[in-house]
Amino acid sequence: MVTQQELRDMFDYIDGNLIRKVGGHSRKPDGHHKGEYRVILFNARTYKTHRMIFLYHHGYLPNQIDHIDGNKHNNRIENLRECKPSENSMNIKTRKDSESGLKNVHWESSRRKWRVRIHVNGKVVYSSRFDDLEAAKNAATEARNQYHGEYANHGV
């Protein structure tokens, strides 16, 4: 496993990028995109860049790292935080296949109402139905703020 010192010896950190040192000089940001995340090659292994940036600054690797703004390409250290898997899932964006276009709001055809459901640690902590989509949107936002706190993501 790579250490903080090895990273600091090989890279500089500038604005969310690891810049590989070459002959004592820095050059362009290192790495490439693999799936949704930027990755770097180090010691013949591929690592997610945001994890290496966290290690570079904090000296350890947590199980999960959350991109606070939800942008997986924004690897600035101030946008990265340690989190639990449940907290990380609270900070996801609206799904592309959402029928309402809103996070935590879906159409319940059997009752002909909009349903809002909020989960914490795999359990439903808030559930309610609404005739009006705008009322459902407002209730979902309020419930996310209440139950998800600093990890609340309103689908942006």
C-alpha atoms as a PDB file:
ATOM      1  CA  MET A   1       0.000   0.000   0.000  1.00  0.00           C
ATOM      2  CA  VAL A   2       1.205   3.484  -0.822  1.00  0.00           C
ATOM      3  CA  THR A   3       2.134   5.783   2.068  1.00  0.00           C
ATOM      4  CA  GLN A   4       1.687   9.509   2.572  1.00  0.00           C
ATOM      5  CA  GLN A   5       5.446  10.041   2.366  1.00  0.00           C
ATOM      6  CA  GLU A   6       5.734   8.135  -0.925  1.00  0.00           C
ATOM      7  CA  LEU A   7       2.983  10.322  -2.394  1.00  0.00           C
ATOM      8  CA  ARG A   8       4.637  13.509  -1.174  1.00  0.00           C
ATOM      9  CA  ASP A   9       7.992  12.399  -2.563  1.00  0.00           C
ATOM     10  CA  MET A  10       6.509  11.665  -6.009  1.00  0.00           C
ATOM     11  CA  PHE A  11       3.751  14.299  -6.345  1.00  0.00           C
ATOM     12  CA  ASP A  12       2.848  17.893  -5.640  1.00  0.00           C
ATOM     13  CA  TYR A  13      -0.774  18.737  -4.873  1.00  0.00           C
ATOM     14  CA  ILE A  14      -2.197  21.753  -6.722  1.00  0.00           C
ATOM     15  CA  ASP A  15      -5.907  22.665  -6.900  1.00  0.00           C
ATOM     16  CA  GLY A  16      -7.348  19.148  -6.689  1.00  0.00           C
ATOM     17  CA  ASN A  17      -4.652  17.542  -8.830  1.00  0.00           C
ATOM     18  CA  LEU A  18      -1.611  15.436  -8.131  1.00  0.00           C
ATOM     19  CA  ILE A  19       1.278  16.662 -10.247  1.00  0.00           C
ATOM     20  CA  ARG A  20       4.043  14.100 -10.769  1.00  0.00           C
ATOM     21  CA  LYS A  21       7.497  15.485  -9.959  1.00  0.00           C
ATOM     22  CA  VAL A  22      10.009  14.974 -12.743  1.00  0.00           C
ATOM     23  CA  GLY A  23      13.635  15.937 -12.154  1.00  0.00           C
ATOM     24  CA  GLY A  24      12.592  18.232  -9.312  1.00  0.00           C
ATOM     25  CA  HIS A  25      10.041  20.060 -11.494  1.00  0.00           C
ATOM     26  CA  SER A  26       6.275  19.637 -11.615  1.00  0.00           C
ATOM     27  CA  ARG A  27       4.391  19.129 -14.859  1.00  0.00           C
ATOM     28  CA  LYS A  28       0.761  18.653 -15.906  1.00  0.00           C
ATOM     29  CA  PRO A  29      -1.781  16.883 -13.649  1.00  0.00           C
ATOM     30  CA  ASP A  30      -1.246  13.145 -13.526  1.00  0.00           C
ATOM     31  CA  GLY A  31      -3.852  10.518 -14.267  1.00  0.00           C
ATOM     32  CA  HIS A  32      -6.802   9.793 -16.502  1.00  0.00           C
ATOM     33  CA  HIS A  33     -10.497   8.993 -16.173  1.00  0.00           C
ATOM     34  CA  LYS A  34     -11.560   5.427 -15.545  1.00  0.00           C
ATOM     35  CA  GLY A  35     -15.313   5.248 -15.298  1.00  0.00           C
ATOM     36  CA  GLU A  36     -16.650   8.098 -13.193  1.00  0.00           C
ATOM     37  CA  TYR A  37     -13.425   8.800 -11.310  1.00  0.00           C
ATOM     38  CA  ARG A  38      -9.993  10.144 -12.167  1.00  0.00           C
ATOM     39  CA  VAL A  39      -7.221   7.607 -11.453  1.00  0.00           C
ATOM     40  CA  ILE A  40      -3.439   7.647 -11.241  1.00  0.00           C
ATOM     41  CA  LEU A  41      -0.850   4.950 -11.788  1.00  0.00           C
ATOM     42  CA  PHE A  42       1.628   4.624  -8.937  1.00  0.00           C
ATOM     43  CA  ASN A  43       4.015   1.738  -8.207  1.00  0.00           C
ATOM     44  CA  ALA A  44       2.386  -0.312 -11.014  1.00  0.00           C
ATOM     45  CA  ARG A  45      -1.076  -0.015  -9.415  1.00  0.00           C
ATOM     46  CA  THR A  46      -4.086   2.116 -10.281  1.00  0.00           C
ATOM     47  CA  TYR A  47      -5.556   4.300  -7.537  1.00  0.00           C
ATOM     48  CA  LYS A  48      -8.515   6.667  -7.471  1.00  0.00           C
ATOM     49  CA  THR A  49      -7.077  10.161  -7.397  1.00  0.00           C
ATOM     50  CA  HIS A  50      -9.449  11.474  -4.721  1.00  0.00           C
ATOM     51  CA  ARG A  51      -8.346   8.703  -2.356  1.00  0.00           C
ATOM     52  CA  MET A  52      -4.668   9.515  -2.927  1.00  0.00           C
ATOM     53  CA  ILE A  53      -5.331  13.233  -2.366  1.00  0.00           C
ATOM     54  CA  PHE A  54      -7.041  12.399   0.940  1.00  0.00           C
ATOM     55  CA  LEU A  55      -4.054  10.235   1.961  1.00  0.00           C
ATOM     56  CA  TYR A  56      -1.619  12.956   0.817  1.00  0.00           C
ATOM     57  CA  HIS A  57      -3.249  15.445   3.220  1.00  0.00           C
ATOM     58  CA  HIS A  58      -4.444  13.311   6.142  1.00  0.00           C
ATOM     59  CA  GLY A  59      -1.977  10.414   6.242  1.00  0.00           C
ATOM     60  CA  TYR A  60      -4.606   7.646   6.239  1.00  0.00           C
ATOM     61  CA  LEU A  61      -7.258   6.149   3.973  1.00  0.00           C
ATOM     62  CA  PRO A  62     -10.806   5.807   5.294  1.00  0.00           C
ATOM     63  CA  ASN A  63     -13.189   3.176   3.907  1.00  0.00           C
ATOM     64  CA  GLN A  64     -15.316   5.826   2.168  1.00  0.00           C
ATOM     65  CA  ILE A  65     -14.610   9.343   0.935  1.00  0.00           C
ATOM     66  CA  ASP A  66     -17.444  11.662  -0.056  1.00  0.00           C
ATOM     67  CA  HIS A  67     -17.250  14.448  -2.644  1.00  0.00           C
ATOM     68  CA  ILE A  68     -19.158  17.129  -0.718  1.00  0.00           C
ATOM     69  CA  ASP A  69     -20.481  18.894  -3.822  1.00  0.00           C
ATOM     70  CA  GLY A  70     -21.354  15.585  -5.524  1.00  0.00           C
ATOM     71  CA  ASN A  71     -18.922  16.285  -8.393  1.00  0.00           C
ATOM     72  CA  LYS A  72     -16.619  13.265  -8.712  1.00  0.00           C
ATOM     73  CA  HIS A  73     -14.179  15.328 -10.767  1.00  0.00           C
ATOM     74  CA  ASN A  74     -13.728  17.990  -8.048  1.00  0.00           C
ATOM     75  CA  ASN A  75     -10.865  16.487  -6.061  1.00  0.00           C
ATOM     76  CA  ARG A  76      -9.914  19.592  -4.088  1.00  0.00           C
ATOM     77  CA  ILE A  77      -9.117  18.543  -0.540  1.00  0.00           C
ATOM     78  CA  GLU A  78     -11.752  20.914   0.864  1.00  0.00           C
ATOM     79  CA  ASN A  79     -14.362  18.979  -1.186  1.00  0.00           C
ATOM     80  CA  LEU A  80     -13.384  15.580   0.257  1.00  0.00           C
ATOM     81  CA  ARG A  81     -14.534  14.172   3.587  1.00  0.00           C
ATOM     82  CA  GLU A  82     -14.469  10.839   5.331  1.00  0.00           C
ATOM     83  CA  CYS A  83     -17.907   9.288   5.618  1.00  0.00           C
ATOM     84  CA  LYS A  84     -19.860   6.144   6.319  1.00  0.00           C
ATOM     85  CA  PRO A  85     -21.442   4.301   3.370  1.00  0.00           C
ATOM     86  CA  SER A  86     -24.904   5.454   4.498  1.00  0.00           C
ATOM     87  CA  GLU A  87     -23.755   9.095   4.575  1.00  0.00           C
ATOM     88  CA  ASN A  88     -22.215   8.744   1.130  1.00  0.00           C
ATOM     89  CA  SER A  89     -25.513   7.406  -0.252  1.00  0.00           C
ATOM     90  CA  MET A  90     -27.385  10.408   1.191  1.00  0.00           C
ATOM     91  CA  ASN A  91     -25.223  12.706  -0.924  1.00  0.00           C
ATOM     92  CA  ILE A  92     -26.137  11.205  -4.316  1.00  0.00           C
ATOM     93  CA  LYS A  93     -27.820  13.169  -7.084  1.00  0.00           C
ATOM     94  CA  THR A  94     -31.267  12.551  -8.556  1.00  0.00           C
ATOM     95  CA  ARG A  95     -31.357   9.366 -10.589  1.00  0.00           C
ATOM     96  CA  LYS A  96     -31.599   9.851 -14.344  1.00  0.00           C
ATOM     97  CA  ASP A  97     -34.574   7.479 -14.503  1.00  0.00           C
ATOM     98  CA  SER A  98     -36.558   9.379 -11.828  1.00  0.00           C
ATOM     99  CA  GLU A  99     -40.164   9.667 -12.993  1.00  0.00           C
ATOM    100  CA  SER A 100     -40.677  12.895 -11.047  1.00  0.00           C
ATOM    101  CA  GLY A 101     -37.292  14.398 -11.858  1.00  0.00           C
ATOM    102  CA  LEU A 102     -36.869  14.852  -8.105  1.00  0.00           C
ATOM    103  CA  LYS A 103     -34.859  12.963  -5.546  1.00  0.00           C
ATOM    104  CA  ASN A 104     -36.897  10.794  -3.118  1.00  0.00           C
ATOM    105  CA  VAL A 105     -40.181  11.530  -4.951  1.00  0.00           C
ATOM    106  CA  HIS A 106     -41.994   8.984  -7.112  1.00  0.00           C
ATOM    107  CA  TRP A 107     -45.472   8.525  -8.539  1.00  0.00           C
ATOM    108  CA  GLU A 108     -47.587   5.933  -6.765  1.00  0.00           C
ATOM    109  CA  SER A 109     -50.054   4.997  -9.490  1.00  0.00           C
ATOM    110  CA  SER A 110     -52.247   2.765  -7.297  1.00  0.00           C
ATOM    111  CA  ARG A 111     -53.138   5.791  -5.133  1.00  0.00           C
ATOM    112  CA  ARG A 112     -52.579   8.438  -7.814  1.00  0.00           C
ATOM    113  CA  LYS A 113     -50.328  10.437  -5.507  1.00  0.00           C
ATOM    114  CA  TRP A 114     -46.719  11.543  -5.267  1.00  0.00           C
ATOM    115  CA  ARG A 115     -44.835   9.563  -2.612  1.00  0.00           C
ATOM    116  CA  VAL A 116     -41.882  10.920  -0.657  1.00  0.00           C
ATOM    117  CA  ARG A 117     -39.604   8.441   1.095  1.00  0.00           C
ATOM    118  CA  ILE A 118     -36.419   9.250   3.006  1.00  0.00           C
ATOM    119  CA  HIS A 119     -34.034   6.506   4.155  1.00  0.00           C
ATOM    120  CA  VAL A 120     -31.321   6.483   6.815  1.00  0.00           C
ATOM    121  CA  ASN A 121     -29.159   3.392   7.328  1.00  0.00           C
ATOM    122  CA  GLY A 122     -31.432   1.393   5.016  1.00  0.00           C
ATOM    123  CA  LYS A 123     -34.611   2.221   6.972  1.00  0.00           C
ATOM    124  CA  VAL A 124     -37.472   4.477   5.971  1.00  0.00           C
ATOM    125  CA  VAL A 125     -37.529   7.407   8.409  1.00  0.00           C
ATOM    126  CA  TYR A 126     -40.028   9.563   6.510  1.00  0.00           C
ATOM    127  CA  SER A 127     -42.867   8.578   4.197  1.00  0.00           C
ATOM    128  CA  SER A 128     -45.796  10.650   3.019  1.00  0.00           C
ATOM    129  CA  ARG A 129     -48.090  11.094  -0.002  1.00  0.00           C
ATOM    130  CA  PHE A 130     -49.085  14.277  -1.804  1.00  0.00           C
ATOM    131  CA  ASP A 131     -51.563  15.275  -4.514  1.00  0.00           C
ATOM    132  CA  ASP A 132     -49.300  18.046  -5.709  1.00  0.00           C
ATOM    133  CA  LEU A 133     -45.730  17.547  -7.019  1.00  0.00           C
ATOM    134  CA  GLU A 134     -44.590  20.916  -5.631  1.00  0.00           C
ATOM    135  CA  ALA A 135     -45.804  19.966  -2.125  1.00  0.00           C
ATOM    136  CA  ALA A 136     -43.952  16.631  -2.432  1.00  0.00           C
ATOM    137  CA  LYS A 137     -40.786  18.461  -3.534  1.00  0.00           C
ATOM    138  CA  ASN A 138     -40.958  20.827  -0.540  1.00  0.00           C
ATOM    139  CA  ALA A 139     -41.608  17.965   1.897  1.00  0.00           C
ATOM    140  CA  ALA A 140     -38.709  15.939   0.468  1.00  0.00           C
ATOM    141  CA  THR A 141     -36.328  18.909   0.796  1.00  0.00           C
ATOM    142  CA  GLU A 142     -37.402  19.533   4.385  1.00  0.00           C
ATOM    143  CA  ALA A 143     -37.118  15.835   5.308  1.00  0.00           C
ATOM    144  CA  ARG A 144     -33.655  15.503   3.705  1.00  0.00           C
ATOM    145  CA  ASN A 145     -32.462  18.535   5.667  1.00  0.00           C
ATOM    146  CA  GLN A 146     -33.839  17.046   8.865  1.00  0.00           C
ATOM    147  CA  TYR A 147     -32.660  13.443   8.443  1.00  0.00           C
ATOM    148  CA  HIS A 148     -29.574  13.769   6.233  1.00  0.00           C
ATOM    149  CA  GLY A 149     -28.162  16.951   7.776  1.00  0.00           C
ATOM    150  CA  GLU A 150     -24.819  17.999   6.277  1.00  0.00           C
ATOM    151  CA  TYR A 151     -25.054  15.114   3.758  1.00  0.00           C
ATOM    152  CA  ALA A 152     -28.398  16.297   2.350  1.00  0.00           C
ATOM    153  CA  ASN A 153     -28.257  16.541  -1.435  1.00  0.00           C
ATOM    154  CA  HIS A 154     -31.342  17.934  -3.118  1.00  0.00           C
ATOM    155  CA  GLY A 155     -30.616  16.378  -6.469  1.00  0.00           C
ATOM    156  CA  VAL A 156     -28.447  19.032  -8.022  1.00  0.00           C
END
